[in-house]
Amino acid sequence: MSMVQVDDYARRLYTAHGDRAEYEAAQKAKDAEAKGDPETAAQWRQVREKIRILRGPHES
């Protein structure tokens, strides 16, 4: 998955799921690791990181 695709997918996931999107991406990465697919897991970790950036810092 290219960085453009990661960016696009992260934006779509964040738009659809809001703050839960980061959890969804983390779960997909964990599932891929459990299935022995490190490439897909790495892609999901990239998506998660992009979602974290889109979300911005937590307010206190």
PDB file of N, CA and C in Angstrom:
ATOM      1  N   MET A   1       0.859  -1.168   0.000  1.00  0.00           N
ATOM      2  CA  MET A   1       0.000   0.000   0.000  1.00  0.00           C
ATOM      3  C   MET A   1       0.904   1.230   0.000  1.00  0.00           C
ATOM      4  N   SER A   2       0.661   2.135  -0.923  1.00  0.00           N
ATOM      5  CA  SER A   2       1.462   3.356  -0.999  1.00  0.00           C
ATOM      6  C   SER A   2       1.045   4.325   0.112  1.00  0.00           C
ATOM      7  N   MET A   3       1.871   5.317   0.352  1.00  0.00           N
ATOM      8  CA  MET A   3       1.558   6.306   1.388  1.00  0.00           C
ATOM      9  C   MET A   3       0.278   7.074   1.053  1.00  0.00           C
ATOM     10  N   VAL A   4       0.034   7.298  -0.229  1.00  0.00           N
ATOM     11  CA  VAL A   4      -1.200   7.979  -0.638  1.00  0.00           C
ATOM     12  C   VAL A   4      -2.405   7.113  -0.278  1.00  0.00           C
ATOM     13  N   GLN A   5      -2.287   5.815  -0.502  1.00  0.00           N
ATOM     14  CA  GLN A   5      -3.370   4.902  -0.161  1.00  0.00           C
ATOM     15  C   GLN A   5      -3.568   4.828   1.350  1.00  0.00           C
ATOM     16  N   VAL A   6      -2.476   4.812   2.095  1.00  0.00           N
ATOM     17  CA  VAL A   6      -2.558   4.801   3.558  1.00  0.00           C
ATOM     18  C   VAL A   6      -3.288   6.050   4.033  1.00  0.00           C
ATOM     19  N   ASP A   7      -2.908   7.196   3.494  1.00  0.00           N
ATOM     20  CA  ASP A   7      -3.527   8.469   3.863  1.00  0.00           C
ATOM     21  C   ASP A   7      -5.021   8.455   3.558  1.00  0.00           C
ATOM     22  N   ASP A   8      -5.376   8.014   2.359  1.00  0.00           N
ATOM     23  CA  ASP A   8      -6.775   7.972   1.938  1.00  0.00           C
ATOM     24  C   ASP A   8      -7.577   7.016   2.822  1.00  0.00           C
ATOM     25  N   TYR A   9      -7.041   5.838   3.059  1.00  0.00           N
ATOM     26  CA  TYR A   9      -7.754   4.856   3.871  1.00  0.00           C
ATOM     27  C   TYR A   9      -7.931   5.353   5.300  1.00  0.00           C
ATOM     28  N   ALA A  10      -6.895   5.963   5.854  1.00  0.00           N
ATOM     29  CA  ALA A  10      -6.980   6.489   7.219  1.00  0.00           C
ATOM     30  C   ALA A  10      -8.051   7.572   7.316  1.00  0.00           C
ATOM     31  N   ARG A  11      -8.093   8.450   6.346  1.00  0.00           N
ATOM     32  CA  ARG A  11      -9.112   9.512   6.355  1.00  0.00           C
ATOM     33  C   ARG A  11     -10.522   8.933   6.274  1.00  0.00           C
ATOM     34  N   ARG A  12     -10.694   7.944   5.407  1.00  0.00           N
ATOM     35  CA  ARG A  12     -12.019   7.324   5.268  1.00  0.00           C
ATOM     36  C   ARG A  12     -12.429   6.601   6.549  1.00  0.00           C
ATOM     37  N   LEU A  13     -11.500   5.874   7.135  1.00  0.00           N
ATOM     38  CA  LEU A  13     -11.787   5.143   8.364  1.00  0.00           C
ATOM     39  C   LEU A  13     -12.109   6.115   9.496  1.00  0.00           C
ATOM     40  N   TYR A  14     -11.354   7.208   9.583  1.00  0.00           N
ATOM     41  CA  TYR A  14     -11.594   8.202  10.630  1.00  0.00           C
ATOM     42  C   TYR A  14     -12.940   8.901  10.427  1.00  0.00           C
ATOM     43  N   THR A  15     -13.277   9.193   9.187  1.00  0.00           N
ATOM     44  CA  THR A  15     -14.569   9.819   8.893  1.00  0.00           C
ATOM     45  C   THR A  15     -15.720   8.894   9.270  1.00  0.00           C
ATOM     46  N   ALA A  16     -15.562   7.619   8.981  1.00  0.00           N
ATOM     47  CA  ALA A  16     -16.628   6.651   9.250  1.00  0.00           C
ATOM     48  C   ALA A  16     -16.744   6.281  10.729  1.00  0.00           C
ATOM     49  N   HIS A  17     -15.616   6.173  11.436  1.00  0.00           N
ATOM     50  CA  HIS A  17     -15.631   5.646  12.799  1.00  0.00           C
ATOM     51  C   HIS A  17     -15.233   6.646  13.877  1.00  0.00           C
ATOM     52  N   GLY A  18     -14.778   7.823  13.484  1.00  0.00           N
ATOM     53  CA  GLY A  18     -14.392   8.824  14.474  1.00  0.00           C
ATOM     54  C   GLY A  18     -13.244   8.340  15.343  1.00  0.00           C
ATOM     55  N   ASP A  19     -13.335   8.611  16.634  1.00  0.00           N
ATOM     56  CA  ASP A  19     -12.253   8.259  17.560  1.00  0.00           C
ATOM     57  C   ASP A  19     -12.025   6.753  17.664  1.00  0.00           C
ATOM     58  N   ARG A  20     -12.991   5.967  17.292  1.00  0.00           N
ATOM     59  CA  ARG A  20     -12.859   4.505  17.345  1.00  0.00           C
ATOM     60  C   ARG A  20     -11.990   3.975  16.202  1.00  0.00           C
ATOM     61  N   ALA A  21     -11.712   4.783  15.203  1.00  0.00           N
ATOM     62  CA  ALA A  21     -10.940   4.349  14.036  1.00  0.00           C
ATOM     63  C   ALA A  21      -9.544   3.871  14.417  1.00  0.00           C
ATOM     64  N   GLU A  22      -8.906   4.541  15.355  1.00  0.00           N
ATOM     65  CA  GLU A  22      -7.561   4.129  15.763  1.00  0.00           C
ATOM     66  C   GLU A  22      -7.597   2.727  16.376  1.00  0.00           C
ATOM     67  N   TYR A  23      -8.593   2.461  17.191  1.00  0.00           N
ATOM     68  CA  TYR A  23      -8.753   1.129  17.771  1.00  0.00           C
ATOM     69  C   TYR A  23      -8.983   0.090  16.675  1.00  0.00           C
ATOM     70  N   GLU A  24      -9.826   0.418  15.708  1.00  0.00           N
ATOM     71  CA  GLU A  24     -10.118  -0.508  14.607  1.00  0.00           C
ATOM     72  C   GLU A  24      -8.839  -0.871  13.857  1.00  0.00           C
ATOM     73  N   ALA A  25      -8.031   0.118  13.550  1.00  0.00           N
ATOM     74  CA  ALA A  25      -6.780  -0.128  12.825  1.00  0.00           C
ATOM     75  C   ALA A  25      -5.823  -0.972  13.667  1.00  0.00           C
ATOM     76  N   ALA A  26      -5.755  -0.696  14.959  1.00  0.00           N
ATOM     77  CA  ALA A  26      -4.887  -1.472  15.848  1.00  0.00           C
ATOM     78  C   ALA A  26      -5.342  -2.927  15.909  1.00  0.00           C
ATOM     79  N   GLN A  27      -6.643  -3.131  15.953  1.00  0.00           N
ATOM     80  CA  GLN A  27      -7.181  -4.493  16.001  1.00  0.00           C
ATOM     81  C   GLN A  27      -6.881  -5.245  14.704  1.00  0.00           C
ATOM     82  N   LYS A  28      -7.006  -4.560  13.574  1.00  0.00           N
ATOM     83  CA  LYS A  28      -6.687  -5.189  12.281  1.00  0.00           C
ATOM     84  C   LYS A  28      -5.209  -5.577  12.229  1.00  0.00           C
ATOM     85  N   ALA A  29      -4.341  -4.732  12.756  1.00  0.00           N
ATOM     86  CA  ALA A  29      -2.908  -5.042  12.784  1.00  0.00           C
ATOM     87  C   ALA A  29      -2.648  -6.265  13.658  1.00  0.00           C
ATOM     88  N   LYS A  30      -3.289  -6.309  14.802  1.00  0.00           N
ATOM     89  CA  LYS A  30      -3.126  -7.440  15.718  1.00  0.00           C
ATOM     90  C   LYS A  30      -3.619  -8.734  15.077  1.00  0.00           C
ATOM     91  N   ASP A  31      -4.758  -8.675  14.413  1.00  0.00           N
ATOM     92  CA  ASP A  31      -5.305  -9.853  13.740  1.00  0.00           C
ATOM     93  C   ASP A  31      -4.380 -10.343  12.632  1.00  0.00           C
ATOM     94  N   ALA A  32      -3.818  -9.418  11.870  1.00  0.00           N
ATOM     95  CA  ALA A  32      -2.903  -9.789  10.785  1.00  0.00           C
ATOM     96  C   ALA A  32      -1.645 -10.453  11.343  1.00  0.00           C
ATOM     97  N   GLU A  33      -1.125  -9.927  12.441  1.00  0.00           N
ATOM     98  CA  GLU A  33       0.042 -10.538  13.090  1.00  0.00           C
ATOM     99  C   GLU A  33      -0.285 -11.957  13.539  1.00  0.00           C
ATOM    100  N   ALA A  34      -1.459 -12.135  14.125  1.00  0.00           N
ATOM    101  CA  ALA A  34      -1.865 -13.452  14.613  1.00  0.00           C
ATOM    102  C   ALA A  34      -1.993 -14.457  13.470  1.00  0.00           C
ATOM    103  N   LYS A  35      -2.344 -13.964  12.287  1.00  0.00           N
ATOM    104  CA  LYS A  35      -2.481 -14.833  11.114  1.00  0.00           C
ATOM    105  C   LYS A  35      -1.146 -15.049  10.407  1.00  0.00           C
ATOM    106  N   GLY A  36      -0.089 -14.438  10.925  1.00  0.00           N
ATOM    107  CA  GLY A  36       1.232 -14.603  10.322  1.00  0.00           C
ATOM    108  C   GLY A  36       1.443 -13.763   9.079  1.00  0.00           C
ATOM    109  N   ASP A  37       0.810 -12.587   9.033  1.00  0.00           N
ATOM    110  CA  ASP A  37       0.921 -11.696   7.879  1.00  0.00           C
ATOM    111  C   ASP A  37       1.532 -10.362   8.316  1.00  0.00           C
ATOM    112  N   PRO A  38       2.857 -10.315   8.478  1.00  0.00           N
ATOM    113  CA  PRO A  38       3.495  -9.097   8.987  1.00  0.00           C
ATOM    114  C   PRO A  38       3.393  -7.902   8.035  1.00  0.00           C
ATOM    115  N   GLU A  39       3.294  -8.158   6.733  1.00  0.00           N
ATOM    116  CA  GLU A  39       3.182  -7.063   5.764  1.00  0.00           C
ATOM    117  C   GLU A  39       1.870  -6.298   5.952  1.00  0.00           C
ATOM    118  N   THR A  40       0.782  -7.043   6.059  1.00  0.00           N
ATOM    119  CA  THR A  40      -0.520  -6.415   6.268  1.00  0.00           C
ATOM    120  C   THR A  40      -0.565  -5.729   7.632  1.00  0.00           C
ATOM    121  N   ALA A  41       0.022  -6.358   8.632  1.00  0.00           N
ATOM    122  CA  ALA A  41       0.060  -5.757   9.969  1.00  0.00           C
ATOM    123  C   ALA A  41       0.795  -4.421   9.931  1.00  0.00           C
ATOM    124  N   ALA A  42       1.895  -4.362   9.209  1.00  0.00           N
ATOM    125  CA  ALA A  42       2.662  -3.116   9.094  1.00  0.00           C
ATOM    126  C   ALA A  42       1.831  -2.032   8.408  1.00  0.00           C
ATOM    127  N   GLN A  43       1.067  -2.414   7.406  1.00  0.00           N
ATOM    128  CA  GLN A  43       0.216  -1.445   6.719  1.00  0.00           C
ATOM    129  C   GLN A  43      -0.845  -0.893   7.664  1.00  0.00           C
ATOM    130  N   TRP A  44      -1.435  -1.765   8.471  1.00  0.00           N
ATOM    131  CA  TRP A  44      -2.438  -1.304   9.425  1.00  0.00           C
ATOM    132  C   TRP A  44      -1.831  -0.409  10.495  1.00  0.00           C
ATOM    133  N   ARG A  45      -0.590  -0.684  10.879  1.00  0.00           N
ATOM    134  CA  ARG A  45       0.080   0.201  11.845  1.00  0.00           C
ATOM    135  C   ARG A  45       0.317   1.579  11.233  1.00  0.00           C
ATOM    136  N   GLN A  46       0.608   1.633   9.935  1.00  0.00           N
ATOM    137  CA  GLN A  46       0.763   2.922   9.253  1.00  0.00           C
ATOM    138  C   GLN A  46      -0.567   3.667   9.234  1.00  0.00           C
ATOM    139  N   VAL A  47      -1.649   2.950   8.959  1.00  0.00           N
ATOM    140  CA  VAL A  47      -2.982   3.562   8.962  1.00  0.00           C
ATOM    141  C   VAL A  47      -3.285   4.103  10.358  1.00  0.00           C
ATOM    142  N   ARG A  48      -2.977   3.317  11.384  1.00  0.00           N
ATOM    143  CA  ARG A  48      -3.232   3.758  12.757  1.00  0.00           C
ATOM    144  C   ARG A  48      -2.457   5.029  13.087  1.00  0.00           C
ATOM    145  N   GLU A  49      -1.206   5.086  12.688  1.00  0.00           N
ATOM    146  CA  GLU A  49      -0.390   6.269  12.958  1.00  0.00           C
ATOM    147  C   GLU A  49      -0.966   7.498  12.258  1.00  0.00           C
ATOM    148  N   LYS A  50      -1.416   7.334  11.044  1.00  0.00           N
ATOM    149  CA  LYS A  50      -2.014   8.455  10.304  1.00  0.00           C
ATOM    150  C   LYS A  50      -3.297   8.920  10.987  1.00  0.00           C
ATOM    151  N   ILE A  51      -4.102   7.979  11.470  1.00  0.00           N
ATOM    152  CA  ILE A  51      -5.329   8.338  12.188  1.00  0.00           C
ATOM    153  C   ILE A  51      -4.977   9.123  13.447  1.00  0.00           C
ATOM    154  N   ARG A  52      -3.937   8.704  14.137  1.00  0.00           N
ATOM    155  CA  ARG A  52      -3.492   9.408  15.348  1.00  0.00           C
ATOM    156  C   ARG A  52      -3.142  10.860  15.013  1.00  0.00           C
ATOM    157  N   ILE A  53      -2.492  11.061  13.879  1.00  0.00           N
ATOM    158  CA  ILE A  53      -2.129  12.414  13.439  1.00  0.00           C
ATOM    159  C   ILE A  53      -3.384  13.209  13.094  1.00  0.00           C
ATOM    160  N   LEU A  54      -4.325  12.584  12.392  1.00  0.00           N
ATOM    161  CA  LEU A  54      -5.567  13.260  12.020  1.00  0.00           C
ATOM    162  C   LEU A  54      -6.363  13.677  13.254  1.00  0.00           C
ATOM    163  N   ARG A  55      -6.366  12.817  14.259  1.00  0.00           N
ATOM    164  CA  ARG A  55      -7.120  13.070  15.480  1.00  0.00           C
ATOM    165  C   ARG A  55      -6.557  14.227  16.271  1.00  0.00           C
ATOM    166  N   GLY A  56      -5.259  14.371  16.244  1.00  0.00           N
ATOM    167  CA  GLY A  56      -4.624  15.445  16.994  1.00  0.00           C
ATOM    168  C   GLY A  56      -4.467  15.083  18.457  1.00  0.00           C
ATOM    169  N   PRO A  57      -3.881  15.993  19.233  1.00  0.00           N
ATOM    170  CA  PRO A  57      -3.631  15.713  20.652  1.00  0.00           C
ATOM    171  C   PRO A  57      -4.931  15.683  21.452  1.00  0.00           C
ATOM    172  N   HIS A  58      -4.898  14.908  22.522  1.00  0.00           N
ATOM    173  CA  HIS A  58      -6.039  14.868  23.440  1.00  0.00           C
ATOM    174  C   HIS A  58      -6.112  16.185  24.192  1.00  0.00           C
ATOM    175  N   GLU A  59      -7.324  16.637  24.417  1.00  0.00           N
ATOM    176  CA  GLU A  59      -7.506  17.855  25.205  1.00  0.00           C
ATOM    177  C   GLU A  59      -7.686  17.463  26.664  1.00  0.00           C
ATOM    178  N   SER A  60      -7.226  18.334  27.537  1.00  0.00           N
ATOM    179  CA  SER A  60      -7.413  18.047  28.964  1.00  0.00           C
ATOM    180  C   SER A  60      -8.125  19.179  29.649  1.00  0.00           C
TER     181      SER A  60
END
